[in-house]
Protein backbone atom coordinates (compact mmCIF):
# COMPACT_ATOMS: atom_id res chain seq x y z
CA MET A 1 -16.41 5.84 -2.06
CA ASP A 2 -14.63 8.83 -0.76
CA LYS A 3 -11.62 9.70 -2.03
CA LEU A 4 -8.89 10.38 0.54
CA ASP A 5 -6.63 13.62 0.84
CA ILE A 6 -3.32 13.57 -1.11
CA VAL A 7 -1.06 16.08 0.00
CA THR A 8 2.59 16.83 -1.04
CA ASP A 9 5.49 17.00 0.96
CA GLU A 10 8.47 19.38 1.75
CA SER A 11 10.61 16.83 -0.91
CA GLY A 12 8.04 17.60 -3.29
CA ASN A 13 6.48 13.68 -3.06
CA GLU A 14 2.74 13.37 -2.75
CA VAL A 15 1.45 11.54 0.18
CA VAL A 16 -1.97 9.63 0.90
CA LEU A 17 -3.39 10.77 4.19
CA LEU A 18 -5.44 8.19 6.09
CA PRO A 19 -8.11 9.31 8.21
CA GLU A 20 -7.82 7.02 11.20
CA ILE A 21 -6.18 4.12 12.64
CA ILE A 22 -8.37 1.22 12.17
CA PHE A 23 -6.26 -1.37 13.01
CA SER A 24 -4.66 -0.40 16.49
CA ASN A 25 -2.78 -3.32 17.87
CA LYS A 26 0.58 -3.54 16.70
CA GLN A 27 1.67 -6.12 18.74
CA ASN A 28 -1.08 -8.76 17.40
CA ILE A 29 -2.72 -7.36 13.76
CA ASN A 30 -5.78 -9.68 12.68
CA TRP A 31 -4.53 -9.88 9.22
CA ASN A 32 -7.96 -11.69 8.56
CA ASP A 33 -9.54 -8.43 9.55
CA VAL A 34 -7.48 -6.77 7.26
CA GLU A 35 -7.73 -9.33 4.32
CA ASP A 36 -11.95 -8.99 5.02
CA TYR A 37 -11.63 -4.74 4.33
CA LEU A 38 -9.46 -5.03 1.14
CA GLY A 39 -12.15 -7.53 -0.21
CA LYS A 40 -14.13 -4.30 -1.18
CA TYR A 41 -11.64 -3.67 -3.58
CA VAL A 42 -11.69 -6.13 -5.65
CA GLY A 43 -12.39 -5.90 -9.18
CA GLU A 44 -11.53 -1.95 -9.32
CA LEU A 45 -9.27 -0.39 -11.78
CA ILE A 46 -7.00 1.91 -11.14
CA GLU A 47 -4.81 4.24 -13.01
CA ILE A 48 -1.50 5.15 -12.16
CA ALA A 49 -0.94 9.30 -12.54
CA GLU A 50 2.71 9.28 -13.48
CA THR A 51 2.45 6.21 -16.02
CA ARG A 52 -0.72 5.71 -17.09
CA ASP A 53 -0.58 1.87 -16.01
CA ILE A 54 -4.23 0.38 -15.53
CA ILE A 55 -3.48 -1.67 -12.23
CA TYR A 56 -6.51 -4.00 -11.23
CA ILE A 57 -7.48 -5.18 -8.11
CA GLY A 58 -7.69 -8.87 -8.76
CA ASN A 59 -9.17 -11.35 -6.05
CA LYS A 60 -5.37 -12.79 -5.23
CA PHE A 61 -4.74 -9.08 -3.46
CA PRO A 62 -6.19 -9.30 -0.25
CA ASP A 63 -5.14 -13.03 0.86
CA GLU A 64 -1.69 -12.14 -0.51
CA TYR A 65 -1.22 -8.58 1.74
CA GLY A 66 -2.47 -10.34 4.65
CA GLY A 67 -0.61 -13.73 4.63
CA SER A 68 2.75 -12.85 2.10
CA SER A 69 5.60 -14.25 4.11
CA TYR A 70 6.59 -10.38 3.81
CA THR A 71 3.64 -9.65 5.93
CA ARG A 72 4.37 -12.97 8.49
CA LYS A 73 7.82 -11.12 9.08
CA THR A 74 6.38 -7.73 9.49
CA LYS A 75 6.13 -6.38 13.15
CA GLY A 76 5.52 -3.63 15.53
CA ALA A 77 4.79 -0.19 14.20
CA ARG A 78 5.61 -1.37 10.48
CA ALA A 79 2.54 -3.81 10.78
CA LYS A 80 0.16 -1.63 11.99
CA ALA A 81 1.54 0.50 9.17
CA LYS A 82 1.03 -1.96 6.55
CA ALA A 83 -2.20 -2.87 8.07
CA ASN A 84 -3.62 0.74 8.05
CA ALA A 85 -2.52 1.52 4.59
CA ALA A 86 -5.53 -0.59 3.27
CA GLN A 87 -7.31 1.99 3.46
CA GLY A 88 -5.41 4.29 1.15
CA ILE A 89 -4.81 1.49 -1.51
CA ARG A 90 -6.85 3.02 -4.64
CA GLU A 91 -4.74 6.67 -3.78
CA MET A 92 -1.50 4.63 -3.09
CA VAL A 93 -2.04 3.35 -6.62
CA GLU A 94 -2.77 6.47 -8.24
CA ILE A 95 0.43 8.21 -6.55
CA ALA A 96 2.44 5.65 -7.23
CA THR A 97 6.11 6.61 -9.03
CA ASP A 98 9.23 5.34 -9.81
CA LYS A 99 8.37 1.74 -11.99
CA VAL A 100 10.82 -0.80 -12.17
CA TYR A 101 10.70 -3.77 -13.89
CA ARG A 102 12.11 -7.67 -12.83
CA GLU A 103 11.92 -10.67 -14.20
CA ASN A 104 10.39 -13.73 -12.35
CA HIS A 105 12.95 -15.80 -10.44
CA LYS A 106 10.42 -17.58 -8.34
CA GLU A 107 8.77 -20.51 -9.28
CA LYS A 108 5.70 -20.49 -6.97
CA HIS A 109 5.07 -17.56 -9.14
CA SER A 110 5.54 -19.32 -12.70
CA GLU A 111 1.37 -19.11 -13.16
CA ASP A 112 0.71 -15.50 -11.83
CA ALA A 113 4.07 -13.66 -13.54
CA HIS A 114 4.48 -16.58 -16.21
CA ASN A 115 6.90 -14.58 -18.48
CA ASN A 116 6.18 -11.28 -17.85
CA GLY A 117 7.52 -10.74 -14.91
CA TRP A 118 6.89 -7.59 -12.00
CA PHE A 119 6.31 -4.32 -11.68
CA TYR A 120 7.71 -1.98 -8.58
CA TYR A 121 6.46 1.08 -7.40
CA VAL A 122 7.20 3.40 -4.59
CA THR A 123 4.19 4.83 -2.90
CA ARG A 124 3.94 6.86 0.67
CA PHE A 125 1.31 7.18 3.04
CA ALA A 126 0.57 8.72 6.24
CA ILE A 127 -0.43 7.57 9.55
CA PRO A 128 -2.54 10.08 11.91
CA LEU A 129 -0.67 10.97 15.17
CA TYR A 130 -2.87 10.97 18.71
CA ASN A 131 -2.63 12.03 21.70
CA ASN A 132 -4.88 11.01 24.25
CA GLU A 133 -7.02 9.33 21.87
CA LYS A 134 -7.25 12.71 19.91
CA LYS A 135 -5.64 13.53 16.75
CA THR A 136 -3.06 16.07 16.69
CA GLY A 137 -2.59 16.83 12.98
CA GLU A 138 0.29 15.51 12.74
CA TYR A 139 1.41 11.99 10.71
CA ASN A 140 3.86 9.62 10.37
CA VAL A 141 4.90 9.16 6.78
CA TYR A 142 5.74 6.17 5.44
CA SER A 143 7.14 4.58 2.05
CA ALA A 144 6.40 1.31 0.82
CA CYS A 145 6.66 -0.65 -2.48
CA LEU A 146 3.80 -1.44 -4.53
CA VAL A 147 4.52 -4.88 -6.31
CA VAL A 148 2.67 -5.36 -9.20
CA ASN A 149 2.03 -8.64 -11.61
CA HIS A 150 2.20 -8.29 -15.22
CA ALA A 151 -0.22 -11.48 -16.32
CA ALA A 152 -0.43 -13.75 -18.97
CA ASN A 153 -3.11 -11.82 -20.50
CA GLY A 154 -1.34 -8.46 -20.45
CA LYS A 155 -3.05 -6.94 -17.71
CA MET A 156 -1.06 -5.85 -14.51
CA TYR A 157 -2.87 -6.83 -10.91
CA LEU A 158 -1.20 -5.63 -7.53
CA TYR A 159 -0.21 -8.25 -5.43
CA ASP A 160 1.19 -6.88 -2.36
CA VAL A 161 2.89 -3.78 -0.47
CA VAL A 162 6.14 -4.48 0.67
CA GLY A 163 8.95 -2.60 1.92
CA THR A 164 6.86 -0.11 4.60
CA LYS A 165 9.44 2.34 5.72
CA LYS A 166 9.02 5.09 8.17
CA GLU A 167 10.12 8.19 6.04
CA ALA A 168 11.61 10.70 8.55
CA SER A 169 11.75 11.16 12.40
CA ASN A 170 9.84 14.66 11.63
CA PRO A 171 6.21 13.97 11.33
CA LEU A 172 4.42 15.82 8.55
CA LYS A 173 2.09 18.50 9.74
CA THR A 174 -1.37 19.41 8.03
CA ILE A 175 -3.84 22.65 7.93
CA LYS A 176 -7.35 21.21 8.44
């Protein structure tokens, strides 16, 4: 699989450039299609450049990504952004920053997070802007939070992407 481009924004943050909008209906995202798309990443190991943490993409990830309570509540442009971020999940993990640990407090996660809890990382991605179905060379930039399960076996598994938020009103311009 080809690697996606990673650029640096004006603030010095790395941003994954998504090549296309493949999930375009922001009013009614078919999350089953997104889960199917993410299935191709199951079994991969990705190293976060900043921390050298190894993150596993387990078989629970696609289902959680498309079916979590966060995803069900997400609507409109943020849902479209999360759905399309699936294209850059490997690169989004690679550029993740600002690692934070939290203990597990939910009974439903007692098996997944057991005593080791969760790690959260900030990541960024950009979605191309179109004018009459033609790319403009500009991108809307989003930040998101990677949720990583620190499992009882000591491994770290990507669990979900939450907190998807448009970064700024000025689109990122690329030279391509």
